[in-house]
Amino acid sequence: MCRTVVVMNRTLLAATAVLAVASMGLSACSGDASSNSELVKSETSSADITWNDADVKFVQEMIPHHEQAVEMSDMLSGRDVSEETAALAQRIGATQSDEVRMMQGYLAEWGVELDPHAGHSGDHAMGEGMMTAEQLAELGAATGGAFERMWLTMMLEHHKGAIAMANAVVASGVEPRVRAFAESIVTAQGAEITQIEGLLATLGG
């Protein structure tokens, strides 16, 4: 009777040991699966990031750059300028207003807030090709042919600055949509520079 009890206890101990080993194995597998899941999640998150600091910098600075171009275009309202200059200003205002909304959408998608100081390099100096408040005030005070020549001259520099910014992000950015947008700026504003230079030549500017 006693021997039977001993055998049963040994059997029970063996079964308990097997269960403990199996439990340890399952825990280890579970731990490995959890680690692998975190690794895959981390790798996926990195792969999903298609933009870098250069892309953010470009968009942050191009928004106020475009907004100033729209502001300058609005200044032609009610002014006595050539039809060509008026049509150019209208096209610039409409196109760049749409592009501002597009860029704001990029920042929202990336979870990046608009930097209110982007595009500014001091109290008076501005970013690439941008006009100071004093220059805009001088433009607003000009009249007749002087106004048109000044507006075209300022927009010429404004466009050159935008192209410089676009070329920089093409070289350093990684976001495909931002790159395509920057390349379109180089093409479109390059053509407008040629048009502006022709208008200035006609006006004797």
N, C-alpha and C. Protein backbone atom coordinates (compact mmCIF):
# COMPACT_ATOMS: atom_id res chain seq x y z
N MET A 1 0.84 -1.21 0.00
CA MET A 1 0.00 0.00 0.00
C MET A 1 0.86 1.25 0.00
N CYS A 2 1.88 1.20 0.85
CA CYS A 2 2.78 2.35 0.94
C CYS A 2 3.54 2.52 -0.34
N ARG A 3 4.01 1.38 -0.98
CA ARG A 3 4.76 1.45 -2.22
C ARG A 3 3.92 2.09 -3.31
N THR A 4 2.67 1.76 -3.35
CA THR A 4 1.77 2.32 -4.35
C THR A 4 1.67 3.83 -4.21
N VAL A 5 1.58 4.27 -2.99
CA VAL A 5 1.49 5.70 -2.73
C VAL A 5 2.74 6.40 -3.21
N VAL A 6 3.90 5.81 -2.96
CA VAL A 6 5.17 6.40 -3.39
C VAL A 6 5.22 6.51 -4.89
N VAL A 7 4.84 5.46 -5.59
CA VAL A 7 4.84 5.46 -7.06
C VAL A 7 3.92 6.54 -7.59
N MET A 8 2.75 6.69 -6.99
CA MET A 8 1.81 7.71 -7.42
C MET A 8 2.38 9.10 -7.23
N ASN A 9 3.07 9.30 -6.09
CA ASN A 9 3.65 10.62 -5.83
C ASN A 9 4.75 10.93 -6.83
N ARG A 10 5.56 9.89 -7.16
CA ARG A 10 6.62 10.11 -8.15
C ARG A 10 6.03 10.45 -9.51
N THR A 11 4.94 9.76 -9.84
CA THR A 11 4.27 10.05 -11.12
C THR A 11 3.74 11.46 -11.15
N LEU A 12 3.18 11.87 -10.01
CA LEU A 12 2.64 13.24 -9.91
C LEU A 12 3.73 14.27 -10.04
N LEU A 13 4.88 14.01 -9.43
CA LEU A 13 6.02 14.94 -9.51
C LEU A 13 6.52 15.06 -10.95
N ALA A 14 6.60 13.91 -11.63
CA ALA A 14 7.07 13.91 -13.02
C ALA A 14 6.14 14.71 -13.90
N ALA A 15 4.86 14.53 -13.70
CA ALA A 15 3.87 15.26 -14.51
C ALA A 15 3.96 16.74 -14.25
N THR A 16 4.17 17.08 -12.98
CA THR A 16 4.28 18.51 -12.61
C THR A 16 5.49 19.13 -13.27
N ALA A 17 6.59 18.35 -13.29
CA ALA A 17 7.82 18.85 -13.92
C ALA A 17 7.62 19.08 -15.40
N VAL A 18 6.93 18.14 -16.06
CA VAL A 18 6.68 18.29 -17.50
C VAL A 18 5.84 19.53 -17.77
N LEU A 19 4.82 19.74 -16.94
CA LEU A 19 3.97 20.91 -17.10
C LEU A 19 4.75 22.20 -16.89
N ALA A 20 5.66 22.20 -15.93
CA ALA A 20 6.45 23.40 -15.65
C ALA A 20 7.36 23.73 -16.82
N VAL A 21 7.98 22.68 -17.39
CA VAL A 21 8.86 22.89 -18.55
C VAL A 21 8.07 23.41 -19.72
N ALA A 22 6.90 22.83 -19.95
CA ALA A 22 6.05 23.27 -21.06
C ALA A 22 5.63 24.71 -20.88
N SER A 23 5.30 25.06 -19.62
CA SER A 23 4.89 26.44 -19.34
C SER A 23 6.02 27.41 -19.60
N MET A 24 7.24 27.02 -19.22
CA MET A 24 8.40 27.88 -19.46
C MET A 24 8.64 28.07 -20.96
N GLY A 25 8.44 26.98 -21.70
CA GLY A 25 8.63 27.06 -23.15
C GLY A 25 7.64 28.00 -23.78
N LEU A 26 6.38 27.93 -23.32
CA LEU A 26 5.35 28.80 -23.86
C LEU A 26 5.64 30.25 -23.53
N SER A 27 6.12 30.48 -22.30
CA SER A 27 6.45 31.85 -21.90
C SER A 27 7.56 32.41 -22.75
N ALA A 28 8.56 31.56 -23.00
CA ALA A 28 9.69 32.01 -23.83
C ALA A 28 9.23 32.35 -25.22
N CYS A 29 8.38 31.47 -25.79
CA CYS A 29 7.87 31.73 -27.13
C CYS A 29 7.06 33.01 -27.15
N SER A 30 6.24 33.19 -26.10
CA SER A 30 5.42 34.39 -26.03
C SER A 30 6.29 35.62 -25.95
N GLY A 31 7.38 35.54 -25.18
CA GLY A 31 8.29 36.67 -25.06
C GLY A 31 8.95 36.97 -26.38
N ASP A 32 9.38 35.92 -27.11
CA ASP A 32 10.01 36.11 -28.41
C ASP A 32 9.04 36.74 -29.38
N ALA A 33 7.77 36.27 -29.36
CA ALA A 33 6.77 36.81 -30.27
C ALA A 33 6.53 38.28 -29.99
N SER A 34 6.49 38.61 -28.66
CA SER A 34 6.27 40.01 -28.30
C SER A 34 7.41 40.89 -28.77
N SER A 35 8.65 40.38 -28.59
CA SER A 35 9.82 41.15 -29.02
C SER A 35 9.83 41.32 -30.53
N ASN A 36 9.51 40.22 -31.23
CA ASN A 36 9.48 40.29 -32.69
C ASN A 36 8.42 41.26 -33.17
N SER A 37 7.27 41.27 -32.47
CA SER A 37 6.19 42.18 -32.85
C SER A 37 6.62 43.62 -32.70
N GLU A 38 7.30 43.93 -31.57
CA GLU A 38 7.77 45.28 -31.35
C GLU A 38 8.80 45.68 -32.39
N LEU A 39 9.67 44.71 -32.77
CA LEU A 39 10.70 44.98 -33.77
C LEU A 39 10.07 45.29 -35.11
N VAL A 40 9.08 44.47 -35.51
CA VAL A 40 8.40 44.69 -36.78
C VAL A 40 7.68 46.02 -36.77
N LYS A 41 7.03 46.32 -35.62
CA LYS A 41 6.32 47.59 -35.50
C LYS A 41 7.28 48.76 -35.66
N SER A 42 8.45 48.64 -35.02
CA SER A 42 9.45 49.71 -35.09
C SER A 42 9.95 49.87 -36.52
N GLU A 43 10.23 48.74 -37.17
CA GLU A 43 10.73 48.79 -38.54
C GLU A 43 9.69 49.36 -39.48
N THR A 44 8.41 48.99 -39.26
CA THR A 44 7.33 49.49 -40.10
C THR A 44 7.17 50.99 -39.93
N SER A 45 7.26 51.45 -38.67
CA SER A 45 7.10 52.88 -38.41
C SER A 45 8.19 53.67 -39.11
N SER A 46 9.42 53.15 -39.08
CA SER A 46 10.52 53.84 -39.75
C SER A 46 10.33 53.85 -41.25
N ALA A 47 9.80 52.72 -41.76
CA ALA A 47 9.60 52.64 -43.22
C ALA A 47 8.50 53.58 -43.69
N ASP A 48 7.53 53.85 -42.79
CA ASP A 48 6.41 54.70 -43.16
C ASP A 48 6.80 56.18 -43.23
N ILE A 49 7.90 56.55 -42.59
CA ILE A 49 8.33 57.94 -42.58
C ILE A 49 9.00 58.26 -43.92
N THR A 50 8.35 59.12 -44.71
CA THR A 50 8.89 59.43 -46.04
C THR A 50 9.31 60.88 -46.15
N TRP A 51 9.43 61.58 -45.02
CA TRP A 51 9.85 62.98 -45.05
C TRP A 51 10.96 63.19 -44.04
N ASN A 52 11.77 64.22 -44.27
CA ASN A 52 12.86 64.51 -43.34
C ASN A 52 12.87 65.99 -42.98
N ASP A 53 13.89 66.42 -42.27
CA ASP A 53 13.97 67.80 -41.80
C ASP A 53 14.02 68.79 -42.97
N ALA A 54 14.67 68.39 -44.05
CA ALA A 54 14.76 69.29 -45.21
C ALA A 54 13.38 69.54 -45.82
N ASP A 55 12.55 68.49 -45.85
CA ASP A 55 11.19 68.64 -46.37
C ASP A 55 10.37 69.59 -45.48
N VAL A 56 10.49 69.39 -44.16
CA VAL A 56 9.75 70.24 -43.23
C VAL A 56 10.21 71.69 -43.35
N LYS A 57 11.52 71.90 -43.40
CA LYS A 57 12.07 73.25 -43.50
C LYS A 57 11.55 73.95 -44.76
N PHE A 58 11.56 73.22 -45.86
CA PHE A 58 11.10 73.79 -47.13
C PHE A 58 9.64 74.21 -47.05
N VAL A 59 8.79 73.32 -46.56
CA VAL A 59 7.36 73.62 -46.48
C VAL A 59 7.10 74.75 -45.49
N GLN A 60 7.77 74.68 -44.33
CA GLN A 60 7.59 75.73 -43.32
C GLN A 60 7.95 77.11 -43.87
N GLU A 61 9.01 77.19 -44.67
CA GLU A 61 9.46 78.48 -45.19
C GLU A 61 8.75 78.90 -46.47
N MET A 62 8.31 77.91 -47.25
CA MET A 62 7.64 78.26 -48.51
C MET A 62 6.22 78.77 -48.27
N ILE A 63 5.60 78.37 -47.18
CA ILE A 63 4.24 78.87 -46.90
C ILE A 63 4.23 80.39 -46.76
N PRO A 64 5.04 80.99 -45.86
CA PRO A 64 5.04 82.46 -45.80
C PRO A 64 5.59 83.10 -47.06
N HIS A 65 6.46 82.41 -47.76
CA HIS A 65 7.00 82.93 -49.03
C HIS A 65 5.87 83.07 -50.04
N HIS A 66 5.07 82.04 -50.16
CA HIS A 66 3.91 82.08 -51.05
C HIS A 66 2.88 83.11 -50.59
N GLU A 67 2.66 83.16 -49.29
CA GLU A 67 1.67 84.10 -48.77
C GLU A 67 2.05 85.54 -49.11
N GLN A 68 3.34 85.84 -49.08
CA GLN A 68 3.76 87.19 -49.45
C GLN A 68 3.54 87.44 -50.94
N ALA A 69 3.78 86.43 -51.77
CA ALA A 69 3.53 86.58 -53.20
C ALA A 69 2.06 86.86 -53.47
N VAL A 70 1.18 86.19 -52.73
CA VAL A 70 -0.26 86.42 -52.86
C VAL A 70 -0.59 87.85 -52.43
N GLU A 71 0.01 88.28 -51.32
CA GLU A 71 -0.21 89.64 -50.84
C GLU A 71 0.23 90.67 -51.89
N MET A 72 1.39 90.43 -52.49
CA MET A 72 1.90 91.35 -53.52
C MET A 72 0.99 91.36 -54.74
N SER A 73 0.46 90.19 -55.08
CA SER A 73 -0.44 90.11 -56.24
C SER A 73 -1.73 90.88 -55.98
N ASP A 74 -2.22 90.82 -54.74
CA ASP A 74 -3.44 91.55 -54.38
C ASP A 74 -3.24 93.06 -54.47
N MET A 75 -2.00 93.50 -54.37
CA MET A 75 -1.72 94.94 -54.41
C MET A 75 -1.99 95.55 -55.78
N LEU A 76 -2.16 94.72 -56.82
CA LEU A 76 -2.43 95.24 -58.16
C LEU A 76 -3.90 95.59 -58.35
N SER A 77 -4.74 95.21 -57.40
CA SER A 77 -6.17 95.50 -57.52
C SER A 77 -6.39 97.01 -57.62
N GLY A 78 -7.07 97.42 -58.68
CA GLY A 78 -7.37 98.83 -58.89
C GLY A 78 -6.21 99.66 -59.41
N ARG A 79 -5.09 99.02 -59.73
CA ARG A 79 -3.92 99.74 -60.22
C ARG A 79 -3.94 99.81 -61.75
N ASP A 80 -3.34 100.85 -62.27
CA ASP A 80 -3.24 101.03 -63.71
C ASP A 80 -1.94 100.39 -64.19
N VAL A 81 -2.04 99.10 -64.56
CA VAL A 81 -0.87 98.36 -65.05
C VAL A 81 -1.23 97.70 -66.37
N SER A 82 -0.23 97.17 -67.04
CA SER A 82 -0.48 96.52 -68.33
C SER A 82 -1.31 95.25 -68.13
N GLU A 83 -2.00 94.84 -69.18
CA GLU A 83 -2.81 93.63 -69.11
C GLU A 83 -1.95 92.41 -68.80
N GLU A 84 -0.74 92.39 -69.36
CA GLU A 84 0.15 91.25 -69.14
C GLU A 84 0.55 91.12 -67.68
N THR A 85 0.88 92.27 -67.07
CA THR A 85 1.27 92.24 -65.66
C THR A 85 0.08 91.88 -64.78
N ALA A 86 -1.10 92.41 -65.11
CA ALA A 86 -2.30 92.10 -64.34
C ALA A 86 -2.62 90.60 -64.41
N ALA A 87 -2.51 90.01 -65.61
CA ALA A 87 -2.79 88.59 -65.78
C ALA A 87 -1.76 87.74 -65.03
N LEU A 88 -0.51 88.17 -65.05
CA LEU A 88 0.55 87.46 -64.33
C LEU A 88 0.26 87.46 -62.84
N ALA A 89 -0.09 88.62 -62.31
CA ALA A 89 -0.38 88.73 -60.87
C ALA A 89 -1.57 87.86 -60.48
N GLN A 90 -2.58 87.84 -61.32
CA GLN A 90 -3.77 87.03 -61.03
C GLN A 90 -3.41 85.55 -61.01
N ARG A 91 -2.58 85.13 -61.96
CA ARG A 91 -2.18 83.72 -62.01
C ARG A 91 -1.33 83.35 -60.79
N ILE A 92 -0.40 84.24 -60.43
CA ILE A 92 0.45 83.97 -59.27
C ILE A 92 -0.40 83.86 -58.00
N GLY A 93 -1.33 84.80 -57.83
CA GLY A 93 -2.17 84.79 -56.64
C GLY A 93 -3.01 83.53 -56.52
N ALA A 94 -3.63 83.11 -57.61
CA ALA A 94 -4.50 81.93 -57.59
C ALA A 94 -3.69 80.65 -57.37
N THR A 95 -2.60 80.52 -58.12
CA THR A 95 -1.77 79.31 -58.03
C THR A 95 -1.16 79.15 -56.65
N GLN A 96 -0.57 80.22 -56.14
CA GLN A 96 0.14 80.09 -54.87
C GLN A 96 -0.80 80.00 -53.67
N SER A 97 -2.01 80.53 -53.80
CA SER A 97 -3.01 80.33 -52.74
C SER A 97 -3.35 78.85 -52.61
N ASP A 98 -3.54 78.19 -53.75
CA ASP A 98 -3.82 76.75 -53.75
C ASP A 98 -2.64 75.97 -53.18
N GLU A 99 -1.44 76.39 -53.52
CA GLU A 99 -0.25 75.67 -53.05
C GLU A 99 -0.03 75.86 -51.55
N VAL A 100 -0.41 77.01 -51.02
CA VAL A 100 -0.33 77.22 -49.57
C VAL A 100 -1.22 76.21 -48.85
N ARG A 101 -2.43 76.03 -49.34
CA ARG A 101 -3.34 75.06 -48.72
C ARG A 101 -2.79 73.64 -48.82
N MET A 102 -2.17 73.34 -49.94
CA MET A 102 -1.56 72.02 -50.12
C MET A 102 -0.44 71.80 -49.10
N MET A 103 0.42 72.80 -48.93
CA MET A 103 1.53 72.67 -47.98
C MET A 103 1.05 72.60 -46.54
N GLN A 104 0.01 73.34 -46.22
CA GLN A 104 -0.57 73.25 -44.88
C GLN A 104 -1.09 71.84 -44.63
N GLY A 105 -1.60 71.21 -45.67
CA GLY A 105 -2.06 69.83 -45.56
C GLY A 105 -0.91 68.88 -45.27
N TYR A 106 0.25 69.11 -45.88
CA TYR A 106 1.42 68.28 -45.60
C TYR A 106 1.81 68.37 -44.12
N LEU A 107 1.85 69.59 -43.59
CA LEU A 107 2.24 69.77 -42.19
C LEU A 107 1.24 69.07 -41.27
N ALA A 108 -0.05 69.19 -41.59
CA ALA A 108 -1.07 68.53 -40.77
C ALA A 108 -0.91 67.01 -40.82
N GLU A 109 -0.60 66.50 -41.98
CA GLU A 109 -0.40 65.05 -42.15
C GLU A 109 0.80 64.58 -41.36
N TRP A 110 1.86 65.38 -41.32
CA TRP A 110 3.08 65.01 -40.60
C TRP A 110 2.99 65.29 -39.10
N GLY A 111 1.92 65.98 -38.68
CA GLY A 111 1.80 66.33 -37.28
C GLY A 111 2.75 67.43 -36.86
N VAL A 112 3.08 68.32 -37.80
CA VAL A 112 4.01 69.42 -37.55
C VAL A 112 3.24 70.74 -37.57
N GLU A 113 3.44 71.55 -36.55
CA GLU A 113 2.77 72.85 -36.51
C GLU A 113 3.54 73.87 -37.34
N LEU A 114 2.81 74.83 -37.89
CA LEU A 114 3.45 75.88 -38.67
C LEU A 114 4.27 76.77 -37.76
N ASP A 115 5.54 76.97 -38.13
CA ASP A 115 6.42 77.83 -37.36
C ASP A 115 6.15 79.28 -37.75
N PRO A 116 5.67 80.11 -36.82
CA PRO A 116 5.34 81.50 -37.17
C PRO A 116 6.57 82.33 -37.55
N HIS A 117 7.76 81.82 -37.21
CA HIS A 117 8.99 82.55 -37.53
C HIS A 117 9.68 82.02 -38.78
N ALA A 118 9.12 81.00 -39.39
CA ALA A 118 9.75 80.42 -40.59
C ALA A 118 9.79 81.44 -41.71
N GLY A 119 10.92 81.50 -42.39
CA GLY A 119 11.07 82.44 -43.49
C GLY A 119 11.60 83.78 -43.06
N HIS A 120 11.72 84.00 -41.75
CA HIS A 120 12.24 85.26 -41.22
C HIS A 120 13.64 85.03 -40.66
N SER A 121 14.54 85.93 -40.95
CA SER A 121 15.90 85.82 -40.42
C SER A 121 16.25 87.06 -39.62
N GLY A 122 15.27 87.60 -38.92
CA GLY A 122 15.50 88.81 -38.13
C GLY A 122 14.26 89.67 -38.15
N ASP A 123 14.33 90.81 -37.49
CA ASP A 123 13.17 91.69 -37.43
C ASP A 123 12.83 92.29 -38.78
N HIS A 124 13.84 92.53 -39.60
CA HIS A 124 13.59 93.21 -40.87
C HIS A 124 13.97 92.33 -42.07
N ALA A 125 15.05 91.58 -41.96
CA ALA A 125 15.49 90.74 -43.08
C ALA A 125 14.58 89.52 -43.20
N MET A 126 14.32 89.11 -44.43
CA MET A 126 13.42 87.99 -44.66
C MET A 126 14.17 86.86 -45.34
N GLY A 127 13.44 85.77 -45.58
CA GLY A 127 14.02 84.62 -46.24
C GLY A 127 14.26 84.88 -47.71
N GLU A 128 14.59 83.80 -48.44
CA GLU A 128 14.98 83.86 -49.84
C GLU A 128 14.05 84.73 -50.70
N GLY A 129 14.54 85.87 -51.12
CA GLY A 129 13.81 86.72 -52.05
C GLY A 129 12.61 87.44 -51.48
N MET A 130 12.37 87.33 -50.19
CA MET A 130 11.19 87.98 -49.60
C MET A 130 11.45 89.46 -49.32
N MET A 131 10.39 90.24 -49.38
CA MET A 131 10.49 91.68 -49.16
C MET A 131 10.30 91.99 -47.67
N THR A 132 10.93 93.05 -47.22
CA THR A 132 10.71 93.53 -45.86
C THR A 132 9.42 94.33 -45.82
N ALA A 133 8.95 94.62 -44.61
CA ALA A 133 7.74 95.44 -44.46
C ALA A 133 7.96 96.82 -45.05
N GLU A 134 9.19 97.31 -44.91
CA GLU A 134 9.51 98.63 -45.46
C GLU A 134 9.44 98.63 -46.99
N GLN A 135 9.92 97.58 -47.60
CA GLN A 135 9.87 97.48 -49.06
C GLN A 135 8.43 97.39 -49.56
N LEU A 136 7.61 96.62 -48.86
CA LEU A 136 6.21 96.51 -49.25
C LEU A 136 5.49 97.85 -49.09
N ALA A 137 5.85 98.59 -48.05
CA ALA A 137 5.25 99.92 -47.85
C ALA A 137 5.66 100.86 -48.98
N GLU A 138 6.91 100.76 -49.39
CA GLU A 138 7.40 101.59 -50.50
C GLU A 138 6.67 101.23 -51.79
N LEU A 139 6.45 99.94 -51.99
CA LEU A 139 5.71 99.49 -53.18
C LEU A 139 4.28 100.04 -53.14
N GLY A 140 3.66 99.96 -51.99
CA GLY A 140 2.29 100.43 -51.87
C GLY A 140 2.14 101.92 -52.11
N ALA A 141 3.20 102.67 -51.83
CA ALA A 141 3.16 104.12 -52.00
C ALA A 141 3.45 104.55 -53.43
N ALA A 142 4.01 103.64 -54.23
CA ALA A 142 4.36 103.97 -55.62
C ALA A 142 3.10 104.05 -56.48
N THR A 143 3.18 104.77 -57.59
CA THR A 143 2.03 104.92 -58.49
C THR A 143 2.47 104.77 -59.94
N GLY A 144 1.48 104.53 -60.81
CA GLY A 144 1.72 104.50 -62.24
C GLY A 144 2.77 103.49 -62.68
N GLY A 145 3.57 103.93 -63.65
CA GLY A 145 4.61 103.06 -64.20
C GLY A 145 5.66 102.68 -63.17
N ALA A 146 5.92 103.58 -62.21
CA ALA A 146 6.91 103.28 -61.17
C ALA A 146 6.47 102.09 -60.32
N PHE A 147 5.16 102.05 -60.04
CA PHE A 147 4.62 100.93 -59.26
C PHE A 147 4.78 99.62 -60.02
N GLU A 148 4.41 99.62 -61.30
CA GLU A 148 4.48 98.38 -62.08
C GLU A 148 5.92 97.89 -62.19
N ARG A 149 6.85 98.79 -62.45
CA ARG A 149 8.26 98.38 -62.56
C ARG A 149 8.77 97.84 -61.22
N MET A 150 8.40 98.51 -60.13
CA MET A 150 8.84 98.07 -58.81
C MET A 150 8.25 96.70 -58.47
N TRP A 151 6.97 96.53 -58.79
CA TRP A 151 6.31 95.25 -58.51
C TRP A 151 6.98 94.12 -59.29
N LEU A 152 7.23 94.34 -60.55
CA LEU A 152 7.88 93.31 -61.37
C LEU A 152 9.29 93.00 -60.87
N THR A 153 10.02 94.02 -60.49
CA THR A 153 11.39 93.84 -60.00
C THR A 153 11.40 93.03 -58.70
N MET A 154 10.46 93.35 -57.80
CA MET A 154 10.38 92.61 -56.54
C MET A 154 9.93 91.17 -56.76
N MET A 155 8.96 90.97 -57.65
CA MET A 155 8.48 89.62 -57.91
C MET A 155 9.56 88.78 -58.59
N LEU A 156 10.40 89.43 -59.37
CA LEU A 156 11.52 88.74 -60.02
C LEU A 156 12.45 88.16 -58.95
N GLU A 157 12.81 88.98 -57.96
CA GLU A 157 13.68 88.51 -56.88
C GLU A 157 12.98 87.46 -56.03
N HIS A 158 11.67 87.65 -55.84
CA HIS A 158 10.87 86.70 -55.07
C HIS A 158 10.90 85.32 -55.73
N HIS A 159 10.72 85.29 -57.03
CA HIS A 159 10.73 84.03 -57.78
C HIS A 159 12.12 83.38 -57.74
N LYS A 160 13.15 84.18 -57.87
CA LYS A 160 14.51 83.62 -57.82
C LYS A 160 14.76 82.96 -56.46
N GLY A 161 14.25 83.59 -55.39
CA GLY A 161 14.40 83.00 -54.07
C GLY A 161 13.65 81.69 -53.94
N ALA A 162 12.44 81.63 -54.50
CA ALA A 162 11.65 80.40 -54.44
C ALA A 162 12.35 79.26 -55.18
N ILE A 163 12.96 79.57 -56.30
CA ILE A 163 13.68 78.54 -57.07
C ILE A 163 14.88 78.04 -56.30
N ALA A 164 15.59 78.94 -55.60
CA ALA A 164 16.74 78.53 -54.78
C ALA A 164 16.28 77.58 -53.67
N MET A 165 15.17 77.90 -53.04
CA MET A 165 14.61 77.05 -51.98
C MET A 165 14.19 75.69 -52.55
N ALA A 166 13.59 75.72 -53.72
CA ALA A 166 13.13 74.48 -54.35
C ALA A 166 14.30 73.58 -54.72
N ASN A 167 15.35 74.16 -55.26
CA ASN A 167 16.53 73.38 -55.63
C ASN A 167 17.18 72.74 -54.40
N ALA A 168 17.13 73.46 -53.27
CA ALA A 168 17.73 72.94 -52.04
C ALA A 168 16.99 71.70 -51.55
N VAL A 169 15.65 71.72 -51.58
CA VAL A 169 14.91 70.56 -51.09
C VAL A 169 14.97 69.40 -52.09
N VAL A 170 15.11 69.69 -53.36
CA VAL A 170 15.28 68.61 -54.34
C VAL A 170 16.58 67.86 -54.04
N ALA A 171 17.59 68.59 -53.60
CA ALA A 171 18.89 67.98 -53.31
C ALA A 171 18.90 67.23 -51.97
N SER A 172 18.12 67.71 -50.98
CA SER A 172 18.22 67.15 -49.63
C SER A 172 16.97 66.47 -49.11
N GLY A 173 15.81 66.75 -49.70
CA GLY A 173 14.57 66.16 -49.21
C GLY A 173 14.37 64.73 -49.69
N VAL A 174 13.37 64.06 -49.10
CA VAL A 174 13.09 62.67 -49.48
C VAL A 174 11.61 62.44 -49.80
N GLU A 175 10.75 63.41 -49.45
CA GLU A 175 9.30 63.22 -49.66
C GLU A 175 8.98 63.37 -51.14
N PRO A 176 8.45 62.32 -51.79
CA PRO A 176 8.21 62.37 -53.24
C PRO A 176 7.30 63.52 -53.68
N ARG A 177 6.24 63.79 -52.90
CA ARG A 177 5.32 64.86 -53.29
C ARG A 177 5.98 66.23 -53.16
N VAL A 178 6.78 66.40 -52.12
CA VAL A 178 7.49 67.66 -51.94
C VAL A 178 8.50 67.86 -53.06
N ARG A 179 9.20 66.80 -53.43
CA ARG A 179 10.16 66.89 -54.53
C ARG A 179 9.47 67.28 -55.83
N ALA A 180 8.33 66.63 -56.13
CA ALA A 180 7.60 66.95 -57.35
C ALA A 180 7.11 68.39 -57.34
N PHE A 181 6.64 68.84 -56.18
CA PHE A 181 6.18 70.22 -56.03
C PHE A 181 7.33 71.20 -56.26
N ALA A 182 8.48 70.91 -55.65
CA ALA A 182 9.65 71.78 -55.80
C ALA A 182 10.09 71.85 -57.25
N GLU A 183 10.07 70.73 -57.93
CA GLU A 183 10.46 70.72 -59.34
C GLU A 183 9.48 71.52 -60.18
N SER A 184 8.20 71.50 -59.80
CA SER A 184 7.21 72.28 -60.55
C SER A 184 7.42 73.78 -60.33
N ILE A 185 7.90 74.15 -59.13
CA ILE A 185 8.21 75.55 -58.86
C ILE A 185 9.35 76.01 -59.75
N VAL A 186 10.38 75.20 -59.87
CA VAL A 186 11.53 75.54 -60.71
C VAL A 186 11.08 75.78 -62.15
N THR A 187 10.20 74.91 -62.64
CA THR A 187 9.73 75.03 -64.02
C THR A 187 8.80 76.23 -64.21
N ALA A 188 7.75 76.30 -63.38
CA ALA A 188 6.73 77.34 -63.55
C ALA A 188 7.28 78.73 -63.27
N GLN A 189 7.98 78.89 -62.16
CA GLN A 189 8.49 80.21 -61.82
C GLN A 189 9.68 80.60 -62.68
N GLY A 190 10.38 79.61 -63.21
CA GLY A 190 11.44 79.91 -64.17
C GLY A 190 10.86 80.54 -65.42
N ALA A 191 9.71 80.00 -65.87
CA ALA A 191 9.03 80.56 -67.05
C ALA A 191 8.51 81.96 -66.75
N GLU A 192 8.01 82.16 -65.52
CA GLU A 192 7.49 83.48 -65.15
C GLU A 192 8.62 84.51 -65.03
N ILE A 193 9.81 84.06 -64.63
CA ILE A 193 10.96 84.96 -64.59
C ILE A 193 11.27 85.49 -65.99
N THR A 194 11.23 84.59 -66.95
CA THR A 194 11.46 85.00 -68.35
C THR A 194 10.42 86.02 -68.78
N GLN A 195 9.15 85.78 -68.39
CA GLN A 195 8.08 86.71 -68.74
C GLN A 195 8.28 88.06 -68.06
N ILE A 196 8.65 88.04 -66.78
CA ILE A 196 8.87 89.28 -66.04
C ILE A 196 10.02 90.09 -66.65
N GLU A 197 11.07 89.42 -67.02
CA GLU A 197 12.22 90.11 -67.61
C GLU A 197 11.81 90.78 -68.94
N GLY A 198 10.93 90.10 -69.69
CA GLY A 198 10.43 90.68 -70.92
C GLY A 198 9.56 91.91 -70.67
N LEU A 199 8.72 91.82 -69.63
CA LEU A 199 7.87 92.96 -69.29
C LEU A 199 8.69 94.16 -68.81
N LEU A 200 9.72 93.89 -68.03
CA LEU A 200 10.59 94.96 -67.57
C LEU A 200 11.32 95.63 -68.73
N ALA A 201 11.74 94.80 -69.69
CA ALA A 201 12.41 95.35 -70.86
C ALA A 201 11.47 96.28 -71.65
N THR A 202 10.19 95.86 -71.74
CA THR A 202 9.19 96.68 -72.44
C THR A 202 8.94 98.01 -71.72
N LEU A 203 8.96 97.93 -70.37
CA LEU A 203 8.70 99.14 -69.57
C LEU A 203 9.95 99.99 -69.38
N GLY A 204 11.07 99.47 -69.83
CA GLY A 204 12.32 100.22 -69.66
C GLY A 204 12.84 100.10 -68.25
N GLY A 205 12.47 99.00 -67.57
CA GLY A 205 12.91 98.81 -66.20
C GLY A 205 14.18 98.00 -66.10
